[in-house]
Structures are given as C-alpha cells and as structure tokens.
C-alpha atoms as a PDB file:
ATOM      1  CA  MET A   1     107.651 104.007  38.338  1.00  0.00           C
ATOM      2  CA  LYS A   2     105.126 101.010  38.613  1.00  0.00           C
ATOM      3  CA  GLN A   3     107.753  98.885  40.305  1.00  0.00           C
ATOM      4  CA  LEU A   4     108.209 102.082  43.448  1.00  0.00           C
ATOM      5  CA  ALA A   5     104.234 102.023  43.094  1.00  0.00           C
ATOM      6  CA  LEU A   6     104.101  97.888  44.181  1.00  0.00           C
ATOM      7  CA  MET A   7     106.719  98.556  46.888  1.00  0.00           C
ATOM      8  CA  ALA A   8     104.651 101.319  48.360  1.00  0.00           C
ATOM      9  CA  VAL A   9     101.700  99.223  48.321  1.00  0.00           C
ATOM     10  CA  ALA A  10     103.705  96.067  50.118  1.00  0.00           C
ATOM     11  CA  VAL A  11     105.173  98.599  52.950  1.00  0.00           C
ATOM     12  CA  ALA A  12     101.889  99.886  53.588  1.00  0.00           C
ATOM     13  CA  GLY A  13     100.089  96.391  53.750  1.00  0.00           C
ATOM     14  CA  CYS A  14     102.129  95.789  56.511  1.00  0.00           C
ATOM     15  CA  ALA A  15     101.694  99.192  58.515  1.00  0.00           C
ATOM     16  CA  GLU A  16      99.557  97.945  61.780  1.00  0.00           C
ATOM     17  CA  PRO A  17      96.327  99.443  61.619  1.00  0.00           C
ATOM     18  CA  GLN A  18      95.194 101.960  63.999  1.00  0.00           C
ATOM     19  CA  ILE A  19      92.409 100.559  66.430  1.00  0.00           C
ATOM     20  CA  PRO A  20      90.843 103.171  69.097  1.00  0.00           C
ATOM     21  CA  PRO A  21      91.578 102.319  72.634  1.00  0.00           C
ATOM     22  CA  PRO A  22      88.643 100.533  74.297  1.00  0.00           C
ATOM     23  CA  VAL A  23      85.767 102.540  76.130  1.00  0.00           C
ATOM     24  CA  ARG A  24      85.496 101.635  79.663  1.00  0.00           C
ATOM     25  CA  THR A  25      81.777 100.988  80.328  1.00  0.00           C
ATOM     26  CA  SER A  26      82.077  99.446  83.938  1.00  0.00           C
ATOM     27  CA  PRO A  27      83.546 101.496  87.230  1.00  0.00           C
ATOM     28  CA  PRO A  28      87.258 101.033  88.109  1.00  0.00           C
ATOM     29  CA  THR A  29      88.003  98.507  90.103  1.00  0.00           C
ATOM     30  CA  ILE A  30      91.361  97.405  92.503  1.00  0.00           C
ATOM     31  CA  GLY A  31      90.782  93.764  92.227  1.00  0.00           C
ATOM     32  CA  SER A  32      87.357  92.804  92.975  1.00  0.00           C
ATOM     33  CA  ARG A  33      86.467  96.009  94.736  1.00  0.00           C
ATOM     34  CA  PRO A  34      85.143  99.117  93.158  1.00  0.00           C
ATOM     35  CA  VAL A  35      87.072 102.692  93.349  1.00  0.00           C
ATOM     36  CA  GLY A  36      85.515 105.942  93.269  1.00  0.00           C
ATOM     37  CA  PRO A  37      82.183 107.582  94.364  1.00  0.00           C
ATOM     38  CA  GLY A  38      79.896 105.124  96.009  1.00  0.00           C
ATOM     39  CA  ALA A  39      82.564 102.153  96.497  1.00  0.00           C
ATOM     40  CA  ALA A  40      82.705 102.986 100.045  1.00  0.00           C
ATOM     41  CA  SER A  41      79.049 101.133 100.673  1.00  0.00           C
ATOM     42  CA  GLU A  42      80.577  98.358  98.664  1.00  0.00           C
ATOM     43  CA  ILE A  43      83.831  98.251 100.684  1.00  0.00           C
ATOM     44  CA  ASP A  44      82.195  98.317 103.917  1.00  0.00           C
ATOM     45  CA  SER A  45      79.516  95.998 103.357  1.00  0.00           C
ATOM     46  CA  CYS A  46      80.436  93.985 106.417  1.00  0.00           C
ATOM     47  CA  GLY A  47      80.031  96.517 109.202  1.00  0.00           C
ATOM     48  CA  LEU A  48      83.559  97.263 109.471  1.00  0.00           C
ATOM     49  CA  GLY A  49      83.105 100.910 110.729  1.00  0.00           C
ATOM     50  CA  SER A  50      81.380  99.659 113.870  1.00  0.00           C
ATOM     51  CA  ILE A  51      84.478  97.124 114.867  1.00  0.00           C
ATOM     52  CA  ALA A  52      87.351  99.755 114.055  1.00  0.00           C
ATOM     53  CA  ASP A  53      88.358  99.308 117.441  1.00  0.00           C
ATOM     54  CA  LEU A  54      89.502  95.753 117.335  1.00  0.00           C
ATOM     55  CA  VAL A  55      92.482  96.413 115.830  1.00  0.00           C
ATOM     56  CA  GLY A  56      95.478  96.204 117.802  1.00  0.00           C
ATOM     57  CA  LYS A  57      93.724  94.222 120.404  1.00  0.00           C
ATOM     58  CA  ALA A  58      94.223  90.454 121.255  1.00  0.00           C
ATOM     59  CA  VAL A  59      92.101  87.720 119.556  1.00  0.00           C
ATOM     60  CA  THR A  60      90.076  85.796 122.915  1.00  0.00           C
ATOM     61  CA  GLU A  61      87.316  82.696 122.446  1.00  0.00           C
ATOM     62  CA  THR A  62      84.521  85.483 121.793  1.00  0.00           C
ATOM     63  CA  THR A  63      86.235  87.946 119.545  1.00  0.00           C
ATOM     64  CA  ALA A  64      84.993  86.331 116.171  1.00  0.00           C
ATOM     65  CA  ASP A  65      81.469  86.017 117.983  1.00  0.00           C
ATOM     66  CA  ASP A  66      81.501  89.479 119.298  1.00  0.00           C
ATOM     67  CA  ALA A  67      82.897  90.869 116.167  1.00  0.00           C
ATOM     68  CA  GLY A  68      79.711  89.368 114.316  1.00  0.00           C
ATOM     69  CA  LYS A  69      77.315  90.539 116.619  1.00  0.00           C
ATOM     70  CA  ARG A  70      78.572  94.152 116.392  1.00  0.00           C
ATOM     71  CA  SER A  71      78.887  94.438 112.641  1.00  0.00           C
ATOM     72  CA  GLY A  72      76.317  92.493 111.801  1.00  0.00           C
ATOM     73  CA  ALA A  73      78.403  90.572 109.139  1.00  0.00           C
ATOM     74  CA  ARG A  74      76.465  87.240 108.448  1.00  0.00           C
ATOM     75  CA  ALA A  75      79.839  85.393 108.740  1.00  0.00           C
ATOM     76  CA  VAL A  76      83.326  85.681 110.584  1.00  0.00           C
ATOM     77  CA  ARG A  77      86.433  84.003 110.456  1.00  0.00           C
ATOM     78  CA  VAL A  78      89.619  84.790 112.473  1.00  0.00           C
ATOM     79  CA  ILE A  79      92.454  84.288 109.746  1.00  0.00           C
ATOM     80  CA  ARG A  80      95.913  83.160 111.515  1.00  0.00           C
ATOM     81  CA  PRO A  81      99.390  83.850 109.735  1.00  0.00           C
ATOM     82  CA  GLY A  82      99.912  80.755 107.251  1.00  0.00           C
ATOM     83  CA  MET A  83      96.657  79.725 107.535  1.00  0.00           C
ATOM     84  CA  MET A  84      94.555  78.444 104.368  1.00  0.00           C
ATOM     85  CA  VAL A  85      91.528  80.259 103.459  1.00  0.00           C
ATOM     86  CA  THR A  86      88.944  79.898 100.099  1.00  0.00           C
ATOM     87  CA  MET A  87      89.929  82.900  98.429  1.00  0.00           C
ATOM     88  CA  ASP A  88      85.834  83.442  97.295  1.00  0.00           C
ATOM     89  CA  PHE A  89      84.563  87.165  97.686  1.00  0.00           C
ATOM     90  CA  ARG A  90      81.663  87.428  99.617  1.00  0.00           C
ATOM     91  CA  PRO A  91      80.731  91.154 100.400  1.00  0.00           C
ATOM     92  CA  ASP A  92      78.755  89.936 103.695  1.00  0.00           C
ATOM     93  CA  ARG A  93      81.781  87.877 105.248  1.00  0.00           C
ATOM     94  CA  LEU A  94      83.920  89.282 108.045  1.00  0.00           C
ATOM     95  CA  ASN A  95      87.327  88.994 107.957  1.00  0.00           C
ATOM     96  CA  ILE A  96      90.106  89.577 110.836  1.00  0.00           C
ATOM     97  CA  ASP A  97      93.708  88.981 110.224  1.00  0.00           C
ATOM     98  CA  VAL A  98      95.492  88.275 113.360  1.00  0.00           C
ATOM     99  CA  ASP A  99      99.576  87.998 113.607  1.00  0.00           C
ATOM    100  CA  ASP A 100     101.047  85.157 115.062  1.00  0.00           C
ATOM    101  CA  LYS A 101     100.631  86.826 118.697  1.00  0.00           C
ATOM    102  CA  GLY A 102      97.202  86.831 118.179  1.00  0.00           C
ATOM    103  CA  ILE A 103      96.783  90.438 117.845  1.00  0.00           C
ATOM    104  CA  VAL A 104      94.259  91.918 115.572  1.00  0.00           C
ATOM    105  CA  THR A 105      96.237  93.590 112.743  1.00  0.00           C
ATOM    106  CA  ASN A 106      93.521  94.095 110.245  1.00  0.00           C
ATOM    107  CA  LEU A 107      89.620  94.272 109.259  1.00  0.00           C
ATOM    108  CA  ARG A 108      88.474  93.535 105.829  1.00  0.00           C
ATOM    109  CA  CYS A 109      84.916  92.565 104.085  1.00  0.00           C
ATOM    110  CA  GLY A 110      85.453  89.481 101.500  1.00  0.00           C
END
C-alpha cells in the first residue's frame, strides 16, 4: 500500500502544471500594423486615400514628388523589383511599388 502511494506521488510530480493562457493587453496586429477598429487611421498614415488613382499607371520622373505633395507624406520612395530597401517602419513614409515595366502595383505606408 505504501509503495502504491509513493508511485502515485512520483507520477503526479511528472505531470505538467496547468498554466492559464496569457491575457492580451495590447490590440491585435498583423506584422507591425494594428488590426481592428481605429486601425485604419494608422494604416493610412501617409495619405494613401488621396493617391489611389496611381495604381496601374506608369511611373514618371515627377511621380514621387507629385504623390508626396498630394498625400502629404513626409518621405516617398519608389521601390523597383529587386531593389534593396531598409526595413524600418516609418508611418509617414509612402512606398510606391512598381513592376519591371515601371507600372505602379501597390501603395503602402512604411
């Protein structure tokens, strides 16, 4: 009987303790971008709404300057395929992604 009690104690000591799941104290995110109510203002922090018409158009010498003025973004960069860029997130920077033919494929803040 004493051996059975010792075995029960030994087996119980091997069991993992029950730990409650962590409590989320910050809003959910995708990458570094917030998701949910109120997130739209942070995702469009560089004026994307005012320049959406650029998608599908060819980039010219003045595209970056014009987009910056229209959007109010503090910085603008045109990103071509294979181009190396910094990965720092700046909400006030407008990124203009273009394909190998120089057509705007995407606009994003960061």
